[in-house]
C-alpha cells in the first residue's frame, strides 16, 4: 500500500505521540523560577518578612548590643559564661548587623519592590480611565433616589456635573458617572513606597554611617579620631576623613535619684569646639538631648564612678597617683561596680588590685558581703584584693584594662579583701600602702554619623501621610441618569455605592441628593398630575 505525502502529514497530525520537548525546555526550566518570584513578590510574603524582621529585632531590645554599649555586653558575657557564647554565635549581641537579619532585610526589600511596581502601574492606568458605565438599574444599588423635574435632560446633566466638580466625572449618553476616593489606593501605595524608602535610608546609614563609643572621665577630653574610641562600628563604605571635626571636655557629670534609687536626671556638662582654633562653647548633654555638630550627634548613653588611689612603695616613694581616676564598671542598678588597678612602675614586683566600689555601702552582718543600697554616693567604700608579680604588660600580648591576668601573680595577705573608705589606707605586706583618695564620675558617649537619617525622615513622613490617606479616605462611585418623559418632564435617577464604610456613604449620599434636588427641583405636583391626565 502506497501513501501520499498528504496522508503522511494527516497521520502525523492525528498521532497521540507527545510533542517534541526541545523548544519548550527553556520555558519549563524557568517555570520554577517564575513561581518562586511570584511567591516572593506576593503581599502575603511581604507581610511575613515584615513580621520576621520585627521578630528578629526583639532580641535587640532585651540583650545588650555592641553597637550601643560594648561594656554591658562584656559584663553579660562574664555573668553568663555558658549562654553568652551561644548567643554570640547567633549574633544576638549585634542583631542589626547579623547576616540573618540582613538576609531578611534584603528579601523584604526585594519583595516590596516586586509588589509595588505592578501595583503602581495598575493604579496609574486606573487614574487615567474614566468612571465605569452606569448600571442598567440604579434602583438596585445600595443607595438610590428618583424624582421628576421640568428641567431639560441636557441641562440636568450639566447641573449635576457642576455639582460633582470635585469628583472624577464622565458623561456617556444619558448618564453621568462620577467616582471619588482614589487617594485611598494612592495612600496605600505611598505607605509601602515610603517603607521601601525607609529601608533605603537604613541601608545608606549602614553603609556610610559611623558609630563609636568612648568612656570619658571628669576633667578629661576627647578628640574625634578613630584612635580615641573604645569601640567603633563604621559602615562598609565609611571613610575616616568623613569624621566631623570635634573635640570636647567633660567638666562635670551629675545624676539625681529618688529615695527608691530610681534615676531621675542625667546631665553631662561639656565644653566643645568644632576645630582646634575655634573657641570652646558650653553644652549640657542629657537623655534625648544630644550634642549636634554638623552631621554628627553625641549621645549620653552611660555613666559610672572613678576611684582615685595613691600607691606608695615601702620607702614612701609614690608608685601611682591617679588624679584622673580608675573607672569602675557598674554591675547592678545600685551601682555596685568592679574595677582593676594596675601598678607596673615599681622598683620591686609589679602590683595589681581587683576591687568593688559601692557608692552607698552596706554590709551583711551574717555573711560579711558588701553591697550598695543606693546608686548615689552617700557612704562610699572600696573593697580590694591585692596581687604582686608580673602583670604581663611587657609580654606584648594585648590585654584588657578591666581585668588582671593571674598567671604570674601571687595574692597579697592570702587574698583577704580589705575595705577602704575615702582617706584610709591599707598597709601592704612587705611594705608600701594603697590609699583610697576619693571618687569622681565618668560618662560614656556615643558619636553617630548617619547620612541616611534625612531619607528616613522623609520616609517616616510619607508613612504617616500614606497611612492617614488609606485609613480616612473612602472609595465611592455615583451615577446620575436622565430620561425624558412624555410632555415636559424629565426623570432623574441617582445611585451610588461605596467599597468601604457604607454607613458614612449613606449620609453623604443623602446630603448630595438634597443638594441635587435644590439645583434640579422636582416638578410641581399639579404639573405632574395634569400631564398624567393628558396621557
Protein backbone atom coordinates (compact mmCIF):
# COMPACT_ATOMS: atom_id res chain seq x y z
CA UNK A 1 0.00 0.00 0.00
CA UNK A 2 1.39 3.31 -1.05
CA UNK A 3 0.95 6.55 0.90
CA UNK A 4 0.97 10.07 -0.34
CA UNK A 5 2.66 12.99 1.43
CA UNK A 6 -0.78 14.38 2.26
CA UNK A 7 -1.77 11.16 4.06
CA UNK A 8 1.55 11.07 5.99
CA UNK A 9 1.01 14.68 7.13
CA UNK A 10 -2.55 13.87 8.24
CA UNK A 11 -1.30 10.81 10.15
CA UNK A 12 1.23 12.94 11.97
CA UNK A 13 -1.48 15.46 12.95
CA UNK A 14 -3.70 12.66 14.29
CA UNK A 15 -0.90 10.96 16.24
CA UNK A 16 -1.14 10.73 20.06
CA UNK A 17 2.63 10.81 20.48
CA UNK A 18 3.90 13.68 22.73
CA UNK A 19 5.16 16.85 21.14
CA UNK A 20 8.93 17.30 20.88
CA UNK A 21 10.21 18.94 24.07
CA UNK A 22 13.27 20.62 22.61
CA UNK A 23 11.94 24.16 22.04
CA UNK A 24 9.84 24.16 25.28
CA UNK A 25 12.63 23.07 27.59
CA UNK A 26 13.86 26.61 28.47
CA UNK A 27 10.31 27.60 29.37
CA UNK A 28 9.94 24.53 31.59
CA UNK A 29 13.25 25.28 33.29
CA UNK A 30 12.16 28.86 34.01
CA UNK A 31 8.76 27.84 35.41
CA UNK A 32 10.07 27.16 38.98
CA UNK A 33 11.91 30.48 38.90
CA UNK A 34 8.73 32.32 37.86
CA UNK A 35 6.72 30.56 40.58
CA UNK A 36 9.37 31.46 43.16
CA UNK A 37 9.34 35.08 42.01
CA UNK A 38 5.52 35.28 42.20
CA UNK A 39 5.64 33.82 45.69
CA UNK A 40 8.37 36.21 46.81
CA UNK A 41 6.59 39.27 45.42
CA UNK A 42 3.20 38.44 46.88
CA UNK A 43 1.81 40.67 49.60
CA UNK A 44 1.49 37.67 51.91
CA UNK A 45 5.23 37.02 51.68
CA UNK A 46 6.00 40.71 52.24
CA UNK A 47 3.88 40.73 55.40
CA UNK A 48 5.56 37.53 56.60
CA UNK A 49 9.02 39.01 56.03
CA UNK A 50 7.99 42.21 57.79
CA UNK A 51 6.84 40.12 60.75
CA UNK A 52 10.13 38.19 60.73
CA UNK A 53 12.06 41.47 60.64
CA UNK A 54 10.15 42.76 63.66
CA UNK A 55 10.58 39.43 65.44
CA UNK A 56 14.31 39.43 64.69
CA UNK A 57 14.64 42.91 66.21
CA UNK A 58 13.16 41.76 69.53
CA UNK A 59 16.47 40.38 70.95
CA UNK A 60 18.00 43.82 70.35
CA UNK A 61 15.61 45.22 72.96
CA UNK A 62 16.37 42.61 75.62
CA UNK A 63 20.06 41.89 75.14
CA UNK A 64 22.86 44.49 75.28
CA UNK A 65 24.18 45.42 71.84
CA UNK A 66 27.81 46.01 70.96
CA UNK A 67 26.88 48.93 68.74
CA UNK A 68 25.29 50.72 71.70
CA UNK A 69 27.14 49.66 74.83
CA UNK A 70 30.03 47.18 74.47
CA UNK A 71 30.78 47.44 78.20
CA UNK A 72 27.40 45.94 79.07
CA UNK A 73 27.98 43.17 76.54
CA UNK A 74 31.26 42.27 78.25
CA UNK A 75 29.51 42.27 81.61
CA UNK A 76 26.76 40.00 80.27
CA UNK A 77 29.34 37.59 78.85
CA UNK A 78 31.14 37.49 82.19
CA UNK A 79 27.90 36.76 84.06
CA UNK A 80 26.69 34.06 81.65
CA UNK A 81 29.76 32.10 80.53
CA UNK A 82 27.65 29.20 79.18
CA UNK A 83 24.80 31.02 77.45
CA UNK A 84 26.71 34.05 76.14
CA UNK A 85 28.90 32.17 73.59
CA UNK A 86 25.76 30.60 72.08
CA UNK A 87 24.04 33.97 71.82
CA UNK A 88 27.19 35.50 70.37
CA UNK A 89 27.40 32.75 67.75
CA UNK A 90 23.85 33.64 66.73
CA UNK A 91 24.88 37.35 66.50
CA UNK A 92 22.30 38.31 69.13
CA UNK A 93 24.66 40.87 70.65
CA UNK A 94 24.79 42.66 67.30
CA UNK A 95 21.37 41.88 65.88
CA UNK A 96 21.13 44.64 63.30
CA UNK A 97 24.46 43.68 61.72
CA UNK A 98 23.78 39.92 61.77
CA UNK A 99 23.85 38.04 58.42
CA UNK A 100 20.41 36.51 59.02
CA UNK A 101 18.93 39.94 59.78
CA UNK A 102 20.50 41.32 56.60
CA UNK A 103 19.04 38.40 54.61
CA UNK A 104 15.51 39.07 55.88
CA UNK A 105 16.04 42.78 55.28
CA UNK A 106 17.14 42.22 51.67
CA UNK A 107 14.33 39.77 50.94
CA UNK A 108 11.79 42.21 52.33
CA UNK A 109 13.21 44.97 50.15
CA UNK A 110 13.01 42.81 47.01
CA UNK A 111 9.52 41.58 47.92
CA UNK A 112 8.18 45.09 48.47
CA UNK A 113 9.67 46.37 45.21
CA UNK A 114 8.26 43.37 43.34
CA UNK A 115 4.83 44.02 44.87
CA UNK A 116 4.79 47.75 44.29
CA UNK A 117 5.94 48.03 40.68
CA UNK A 118 2.90 46.25 39.15
CA UNK A 119 0.53 47.89 41.65
CA UNK A 120 1.82 51.35 40.76
CA UNK A 121 1.44 50.55 37.08
CA UNK A 122 -2.14 49.35 37.55
CA UNK A 123 -3.00 52.37 39.72
CA UNK A 124 -1.62 54.74 37.08
CA UNK A 125 -3.82 53.07 34.48
CA UNK A 126 -6.85 53.27 36.76
CA UNK A 127 -6.28 57.01 37.27
CA UNK A 128 -6.39 57.55 33.51
CA UNK A 129 -9.53 55.51 32.97
CA UNK A 130 -12.92 57.26 33.10
CA UNK A 131 -15.50 56.13 35.65
CA UNK A 132 -17.32 52.94 34.63
CA UNK A 133 -20.56 52.94 32.70
CA UNK A 134 -23.77 53.30 34.70
CA UNK A 135 -25.55 50.06 35.67
CA UNK A 136 -28.80 49.24 33.93
CA UNK A 137 -30.94 49.62 37.07
CA UNK A 138 -29.74 52.25 39.54
CA UNK A 139 -32.52 51.32 41.98
CA UNK A 140 -30.68 48.08 42.81
CA UNK A 141 -27.66 49.92 44.16
CA UNK A 142 -27.24 50.26 47.97
CA UNK A 143 -28.12 53.98 47.77
CA UNK A 144 -30.55 55.36 45.18
CA UNK A 145 -33.05 58.17 44.60
CA UNK A 146 -35.52 59.15 41.85
CA UNK A 147 -37.65 62.21 41.08
CA UNK A 148 -39.20 64.06 38.17
CA UNK A 149 -38.30 67.58 37.13
CA UNK A 150 -39.27 70.04 34.45
CA UNK A 151 -35.60 70.87 33.73
CA UNK A 152 -34.45 69.56 30.33
CA UNK A 153 -32.31 66.42 30.35
CA UNK A 154 -29.19 68.08 28.93
CA UNK A 155 -29.37 70.87 31.49
CA UNK A 156 -29.83 68.29 34.30
CA UNK A 157 -26.60 66.56 33.34
CA UNK A 158 -24.79 69.90 33.18
CA UNK A 159 -26.06 70.92 36.64
CA UNK A 160 -25.13 67.53 38.09
CA UNK A 161 -21.66 67.76 36.56
CA UNK A 162 -21.11 71.18 38.14
CA UNK A 163 -22.33 69.90 41.50
CA UNK A 164 -19.88 66.97 41.26
CA UNK A 165 -16.95 69.13 40.15
CA UNK A 166 -14.73 67.65 42.89
CA UNK A 167 -15.42 64.16 41.61
CA UNK A 168 -13.91 62.47 38.56
CA UNK A 169 -16.78 62.56 36.09
CA UNK A 170 -17.51 61.11 32.67
CA UNK A 171 -20.66 61.63 30.60
CA UNK A 172 -21.84 58.72 28.48
CA UNK A 173 -25.12 59.19 26.62
CA UNK A 174 -27.91 59.89 29.08
CA UNK A 175 -25.83 59.11 32.21
CA UNK A 176 -23.11 60.85 34.19
CA UNK A 177 -20.61 58.68 36.09
CA UNK A 178 -18.57 60.05 39.00
CA UNK A 179 -16.12 58.50 41.41
CA UNK A 180 -14.03 59.66 44.30
CA UNK A 181 -11.54 58.23 46.77
CA UNK A 182 -8.65 57.14 44.58
CA UNK A 183 -6.39 58.74 47.17
CA UNK A 184 -7.09 55.70 49.33
CA UNK A 185 -5.12 53.47 47.00
CA UNK A 186 -2.61 56.28 46.46
CA UNK A 187 -2.09 56.46 50.23
CA UNK A 188 -1.69 52.69 50.40
CA UNK A 189 0.98 52.83 47.73
CA UNK A 190 2.61 55.86 49.37
CA UNK A 191 2.80 53.92 52.64
CA UNK A 192 4.57 50.98 51.01
CA UNK A 193 6.84 53.14 48.85
CA UNK A 194 7.82 55.07 51.98
CA UNK A 195 8.53 51.79 53.72
CA UNK A 196 10.91 50.87 50.90
CA UNK A 197 12.45 54.34 51.15
CA UNK A 198 12.89 53.79 54.90
CA UNK A 199 14.77 50.57 54.18
CA UNK A 200 16.93 52.50 51.71
CA UNK A 201 17.67 55.14 54.35
CA UNK A 202 18.65 52.49 56.87
CA UNK A 203 20.86 50.80 54.28
CA UNK A 204 22.57 54.11 53.44
CA UNK A 205 23.21 54.66 57.14
CA UNK A 206 24.65 51.16 57.50
CA UNK A 207 26.95 51.58 54.50
CA UNK A 208 28.13 55.15 55.00
CA UNK A 209 27.38 55.77 58.69
CA UNK A 210 29.57 55.56 61.76
CA UNK A 211 29.08 54.74 65.43
CA UNK A 212 31.69 54.95 68.12
CA UNK A 213 31.60 54.82 71.92
CA UNK A 214 34.11 56.29 74.33
CA UNK A 215 34.41 56.50 78.10
CA UNK A 216 35.40 59.99 79.26
CA UNK A 217 36.35 60.80 82.86
CA UNK A 218 35.53 64.08 84.54
CA UNK A 219 38.24 66.58 83.71
CA UNK A 220 39.36 64.61 80.64
CA UNK A 221 38.78 65.38 76.99
CA UNK A 222 38.00 63.60 73.75
CA UNK A 223 39.04 64.31 70.16
CA UNK A 224 37.04 62.85 67.29
CA UNK A 225 39.61 60.46 65.83
CA UNK A 226 39.44 56.73 65.28
CA UNK A 227 42.23 56.07 67.80
CA UNK A 228 40.31 57.88 70.55
CA UNK A 229 37.36 55.48 70.62
CA UNK A 230 36.95 52.46 72.87
CA UNK A 231 34.69 50.76 70.34
CA UNK A 232 33.78 51.64 66.75
CA UNK A 233 31.26 50.38 64.20
CA UNK A 234 31.99 52.05 60.85
CA UNK A 235 29.90 51.36 57.77
CA UNK A 236 31.34 49.31 54.95
CA UNK A 237 31.83 52.43 52.81
CA UNK A 238 32.76 54.80 55.60
CA UNK A 239 35.99 56.80 55.26
CA UNK A 240 37.98 58.17 58.16
CA UNK A 241 38.22 61.60 56.57
CA UNK A 242 34.42 61.81 56.84
CA UNK A 243 34.61 62.20 60.61
CA UNK A 244 33.24 65.55 61.76
CA UNK A 245 35.94 67.76 63.38
CA UNK A 246 35.05 67.88 67.06
CA UNK A 247 36.63 67.81 70.50
CA UNK A 248 35.13 68.29 73.94
CA UNK A 249 35.99 68.14 77.63
CA UNK A 250 33.74 66.61 80.28
CA UNK A 251 33.62 69.23 83.01
CA UNK A 252 31.09 67.62 85.30
CA UNK A 253 28.55 64.81 85.34
CA UNK A 254 25.62 64.73 87.72
CA UNK A 255 22.82 62.25 88.19
CA UNK A 256 19.86 62.58 90.55
CA UNK A 257 17.93 59.69 92.08
CA UNK A 258 14.75 59.22 94.00
CA UNK A 259 14.57 57.73 97.50
CA UNK A 260 13.95 54.31 95.96
CA UNK A 261 17.12 54.57 93.86
CA UNK A 262 15.40 55.16 90.52
CA UNK A 263 17.23 57.60 88.28
CA UNK A 264 15.60 60.94 87.58
CA UNK A 265 18.06 63.05 85.59
CA UNK A 266 21.44 62.69 83.91
CA UNK A 267 23.42 65.76 82.95
CA UNK A 268 26.89 65.86 81.38
CA UNK A 269 28.29 69.39 81.24
CA UNK A 270 30.88 69.73 78.49
CA UNK A 271 32.81 72.38 76.59
CA UNK A 272 33.22 71.63 72.90
CA UNK A 273 34.76 73.12 69.77
CA UNK A 274 34.42 72.24 66.09
CA UNK A 275 38.08 72.86 65.24
CA UNK A 276 41.38 73.27 67.10
CA UNK A 277 41.26 77.05 66.64
CA UNK A 278 37.56 77.52 67.40
CA UNK A 279 36.52 78.87 70.81
CA UNK A 280 35.06 76.39 73.31
CA UNK A 281 31.31 76.56 73.93
CA UNK A 282 29.37 75.04 76.84
CA UNK A 283 26.65 72.44 76.38
CA UNK A 284 24.61 70.11 78.58
CA UNK A 285 24.27 66.64 77.08
CA UNK A 286 21.22 64.93 78.51
CA UNK A 287 18.99 61.99 77.64
CA UNK A 288 17.24 62.71 74.31
CA UNK A 289 19.19 65.98 74.14
CA UNK A 290 22.37 65.14 72.19
CA UNK A 291 25.07 67.50 71.05
CA UNK A 292 24.70 68.34 67.32
CA UNK A 293 27.84 69.22 65.40
CA UNK A 294 27.38 69.17 61.63
CA UNK A 295 26.32 65.68 60.58
CA UNK A 296 27.35 64.18 63.92
CA UNK A 297 25.42 63.67 67.15
CA UNK A 298 26.92 62.95 70.56
CA UNK A 299 24.65 60.97 72.86
CA UNK A 300 24.99 60.28 76.58
CA UNK A 301 24.48 56.53 76.99
CA UNK A 302 26.01 55.59 80.35
CA UNK A 303 27.88 56.66 83.43
CA UNK A 304 29.76 55.31 86.44
CA UNK A 305 32.35 56.12 89.09
CA UNK A 306 36.12 56.61 89.13
CA UNK A 307 38.13 55.72 92.23
CA UNK A 308 41.26 57.75 92.96
CA UNK A 309 44.03 55.84 94.68
CA UNK A 310 47.61 56.55 95.72
CA UNK A 311 50.04 53.62 95.85
CA UNK A 312 53.34 54.01 97.70
CA UNK A 313 56.32 51.72 97.92
CA UNK A 314 58.00 50.68 101.17
CA UNK A 315 60.30 53.73 101.15
CA UNK A 316 57.35 56.09 100.72
CA UNK A 317 58.02 56.68 97.01
CA UNK A 318 54.77 57.22 95.06
CA UNK A 319 54.33 54.40 92.51
CA UNK A 320 50.87 55.50 91.37
CA UNK A 321 48.95 58.73 91.93
CA UNK A 322 45.92 58.50 89.66
CA UNK A 323 44.50 62.01 89.71
CA UNK A 324 42.12 61.22 86.84
CA UNK A 325 40.80 58.05 88.44
CA UNK A 326 40.33 54.38 87.63
CA UNK A 327 36.93 53.66 86.03
CA UNK A 328 34.71 51.12 87.78
CA UNK A 329 32.11 49.25 85.73
CA UNK A 330 28.57 49.07 87.20
CA UNK A 331 27.22 45.58 87.84
CA UNK A 332 23.69 46.33 89.05
CA UNK A 333 21.11 49.11 89.39
CA UNK A 334 22.61 50.19 92.73
CA UNK A 335 25.95 50.76 91.01
CA UNK A 336 27.98 48.13 92.77
CA UNK A 337 30.98 48.45 90.43
CA UNK A 338 34.09 46.42 89.73
CA UNK A 339 37.45 47.97 88.97
CA UNK A 340 41.02 46.89 88.27
CA UNK A 341 44.07 48.87 89.37
CA UNK A 342 47.45 48.09 87.77
CA UNK A 343 50.75 49.45 89.13
CA UNK A 344 53.51 48.48 86.66
CA UNK A 345 56.04 51.18 87.60
CA UNK A 346 57.56 49.78 90.79
CA UNK A 347 61.11 49.02 91.84
CA UNK A 348 60.05 45.59 93.00
CA UNK A 349 57.35 43.16 91.84
CA UNK A 350 54.53 44.78 89.94
CA UNK A 351 51.27 45.28 91.84
CA UNK A 352 47.67 44.72 90.83
CA UNK A 353 44.38 45.18 92.66
CA UNK A 354 40.88 43.94 91.99
CA UNK A 355 38.15 45.82 93.75
CA UNK A 356 34.49 46.55 94.13
CA UNK A 357 33.27 50.09 94.65
CA UNK A 358 29.98 50.67 96.49
CA UNK A 359 28.59 54.24 96.48
CA UNK A 360 26.24 53.61 99.45
CA UNK A 361 27.89 50.78 101.31
CA UNK A 362 26.01 48.22 103.37
CA UNK A 363 27.43 45.04 104.84
CA UNK A 364 25.58 41.85 105.64
CA UNK A 365 26.36 41.05 109.32
CA UNK A 366 25.96 37.32 108.75
CA UNK A 367 27.93 36.76 105.54
CA UNK A 368 30.12 39.85 105.66
CA UNK A 369 29.37 40.56 101.99
CA UNK A 370 29.43 44.17 100.91
CA UNK A 371 26.77 45.71 98.72
CA UNK A 372 25.27 49.04 97.70
CA UNK A 373 21.90 50.28 98.92
CA UNK A 374 21.63 53.34 96.65
CA UNK A 375 23.29 54.47 93.40
CA UNK A 376 24.24 57.92 94.75
CA UNK A 377 27.48 58.48 96.65
CA UNK A 378 26.33 58.53 100.28
CA UNK A 379 28.70 56.11 102.05
CA UNK A 380 31.41 55.21 99.52
CA UNK A 381 33.81 52.35 100.09
CA UNK A 382 36.37 50.40 98.04
CA UNK A 383 36.82 46.70 98.73
CA UNK A 384 40.06 45.42 97.18
CA UNK A 385 42.21 42.31 96.92
CA UNK A 386 45.92 42.76 96.12
CA UNK A 387 48.36 40.80 93.97
CA UNK A 388 52.08 41.05 93.26
CA UNK A 389 54.21 39.61 90.48
CA UNK A 390 54.21 40.09 86.70
CA UNK A 391 51.15 41.82 85.21
CA UNK A 392 52.07 40.63 81.71
CA UNK A 393 52.12 44.16 80.33
CA UNK A 394 55.62 43.81 78.89
CA UNK A 395 54.89 40.49 77.15
CA UNK A 396 53.47 42.21 74.06
CA UNK A 397 50.16 40.39 74.34
CA UNK A 398 47.04 42.63 74.21
CA UNK A 399 45.06 42.68 77.44
CA UNK A 400 42.06 44.39 78.96
CA UNK A 401 42.45 47.31 81.34
CA UNK A 402 39.41 45.99 83.20
CA UNK A 403 40.86 42.61 84.21
CA UNK A 404 44.01 41.02 85.65
CA UNK A 405 45.88 38.04 84.30
CA UNK A 406 46.53 35.92 87.39
CA UNK A 407 49.00 33.59 85.66
CA UNK A 408 52.13 35.15 87.19
CA UNK A 409 50.56 36.89 90.19
CA UNK A 410 50.57 35.98 93.88
CA UNK A 411 47.77 37.14 96.22
CA UNK A 412 48.73 39.57 98.97
CA UNK A 413 47.67 38.81 102.53
CA UNK A 414 46.32 35.44 101.45
CA UNK A 415 43.79 37.06 99.12
CA UNK A 416 41.82 38.59 102.00
CA UNK A 417 39.70 41.60 100.93
CA UNK A 418 40.20 44.97 102.59
CA UNK A 419 37.54 47.67 102.83
CA UNK A 420 38.71 51.27 102.41
CA UNK A 421 36.73 54.46 102.83
CA UNK A 422 37.96 57.79 101.43
CA UNK A 423 41.12 58.88 103.23
CA UNK A 424 42.04 55.44 104.62
CA UNK A 425 44.95 53.19 103.60
CA UNK A 426 45.90 49.52 103.50
CA UNK A 427 49.45 48.79 104.60
CA UNK A 428 50.66 46.19 102.16
CA UNK A 429 52.61 43.10 103.34
CA UNK A 430 56.35 43.70 102.89
CA UNK A 431 55.91 47.46 102.95
CA UNK A 432 54.09 50.04 100.95
CA UNK A 433 50.46 51.12 101.01
CA UNK A 434 47.41 51.92 98.91
CA UNK A 435 45.20 54.86 99.84
CA UNK A 436 41.62 55.46 98.71
CA UNK A 437 41.77 59.19 97.92
CA UNK A 438 38.30 59.95 96.58
CA UNK A 439 35.58 59.43 93.95
CA UNK A 440 34.61 61.18 90.72
CA UNK A 441 32.37 60.13 87.85
CA UNK A 442 32.75 59.15 84.21
CA UNK A 443 30.35 59.15 81.26
CA UNK A 444 30.03 57.02 78.17
CA UNK A 445 29.27 58.88 74.96
CA UNK A 446 28.27 57.58 71.57
CA UNK A 447 29.02 59.61 68.47
CA UNK A 448 26.97 58.78 65.39
CA UNK A 449 27.06 59.96 61.79
CA UNK A 450 24.06 58.77 59.79
CA UNK A 451 23.76 60.14 56.24
CA UNK A 452 20.54 58.18 55.77
CA UNK A 453 18.63 59.97 58.53
CA UNK A 454 17.09 62.56 56.17
CA UNK A 455 15.93 59.80 53.86
CA UNK A 456 14.46 58.04 56.87
CA UNK A 457 12.74 61.27 57.97
CA UNK A 458 11.12 61.77 54.55
CA UNK A 459 10.10 58.10 54.60
CA UNK A 460 8.56 58.45 58.06
CA UNK A 461 6.52 61.46 56.92
CA UNK A 462 5.37 59.50 53.87
CA UNK A 463 4.42 56.50 56.02
CA UNK A 464 2.25 58.64 58.31
CA UNK A 465 0.66 60.51 55.40
CA UNK A 466 0.02 57.32 53.43
CA UNK A 467 -1.44 55.61 56.48
CA UNK A 468 -3.80 58.55 57.10
CA UNK A 469 -4.96 58.54 53.48
CA UNK A 470 -5.55 54.79 53.41
CA UNK A 471 -7.50 54.91 56.69
CA UNK A 472 -9.64 58.01 56.28
CA UNK A 473 -10.29 58.29 52.53
CA UNK A 474 -13.30 56.31 51.28
CA UNK A 475 -13.67 54.96 47.77
CA UNK A 476 -17.16 55.56 46.32
CA UNK A 477 -18.96 55.83 42.97
CA UNK A 478 -22.07 57.72 41.87
CA UNK A 479 -24.19 57.78 38.74
CA UNK A 480 -26.85 60.24 37.53
CA UNK A 481 -29.16 59.14 34.70
CA UNK A 482 -31.79 61.28 33.00
CA UNK A 483 -34.70 60.02 30.94
CA UNK A 484 -37.17 62.32 29.19
CA UNK A 485 -40.80 61.56 29.94
CA UNK A 486 -43.79 62.41 27.79
CA UNK A 487 -44.52 66.06 27.87
CA UNK A 488 -42.03 68.41 29.52
CA UNK A 489 -40.93 66.20 32.44
CA UNK A 490 -37.52 64.57 32.94
CA UNK A 491 -36.92 61.58 35.23
CA UNK A 492 -33.74 61.90 37.29
CA UNK A 493 -32.23 58.73 38.79
CA UNK A 494 -29.28 58.81 41.17
CA UNK A 495 -27.47 55.73 42.51
CA UNK A 496 -24.24 55.09 44.30
CA UNK A 497 -22.15 52.58 46.22
CA UNK A 498 -19.08 52.59 48.45
CA UNK A 499 -16.40 49.96 48.84
CA UNK A 500 -15.80 50.84 52.48
CA UNK A 501 -17.83 52.35 55.32
CA UNK A 502 -21.33 52.18 53.73
CA UNK A 503 -22.93 53.95 56.68
CA UNK A 504 -20.85 57.09 56.16
CA UNK A 505 -21.56 56.94 52.43
CA UNK A 506 -25.31 56.73 53.07
CA UNK A 507 -25.19 60.03 54.96
CA UNK A 508 -23.03 61.60 52.24
CA UNK A 509 -25.39 60.30 49.54
CA UNK A 510 -28.43 61.82 51.27
CA UNK A 511 -26.70 65.18 51.54
CA UNK A 512 -25.62 65.08 47.91
CA UNK A 513 -29.11 64.13 46.71
CA UNK A 514 -30.63 67.01 48.70
CA UNK A 515 -28.22 69.43 47.00
CA UNK A 516 -29.04 67.99 43.60
CA UNK A 517 -32.74 68.41 44.37
CA UNK A 518 -32.12 72.08 45.20
CA UNK A 519 -30.25 72.53 41.91
CA UNK A 520 -32.73 70.41 39.97
CA UNK A 521 -36.09 70.99 41.71
CA UNK A 522 -38.77 68.33 41.39
CA UNK A 523 -41.75 69.15 39.23
CA UNK A 524 -44.81 70.63 40.91
CA UNK A 525 -47.44 68.00 41.79
CA UNK A 526 -50.14 69.81 39.78
CA UNK A 527 -47.99 69.81 36.69
CA UNK A 528 -47.19 66.12 37.06
CA UNK A 529 -50.86 65.28 37.66
CA UNK A 530 -52.12 67.25 34.64
CA UNK A 531 -49.53 65.58 32.45
CA UNK A 532 -50.63 62.13 33.63
CA UNK A 533 -54.32 63.02 32.99
CA UNK A 534 -53.49 64.19 29.48
CA UNK A 535 -51.88 60.84 28.83
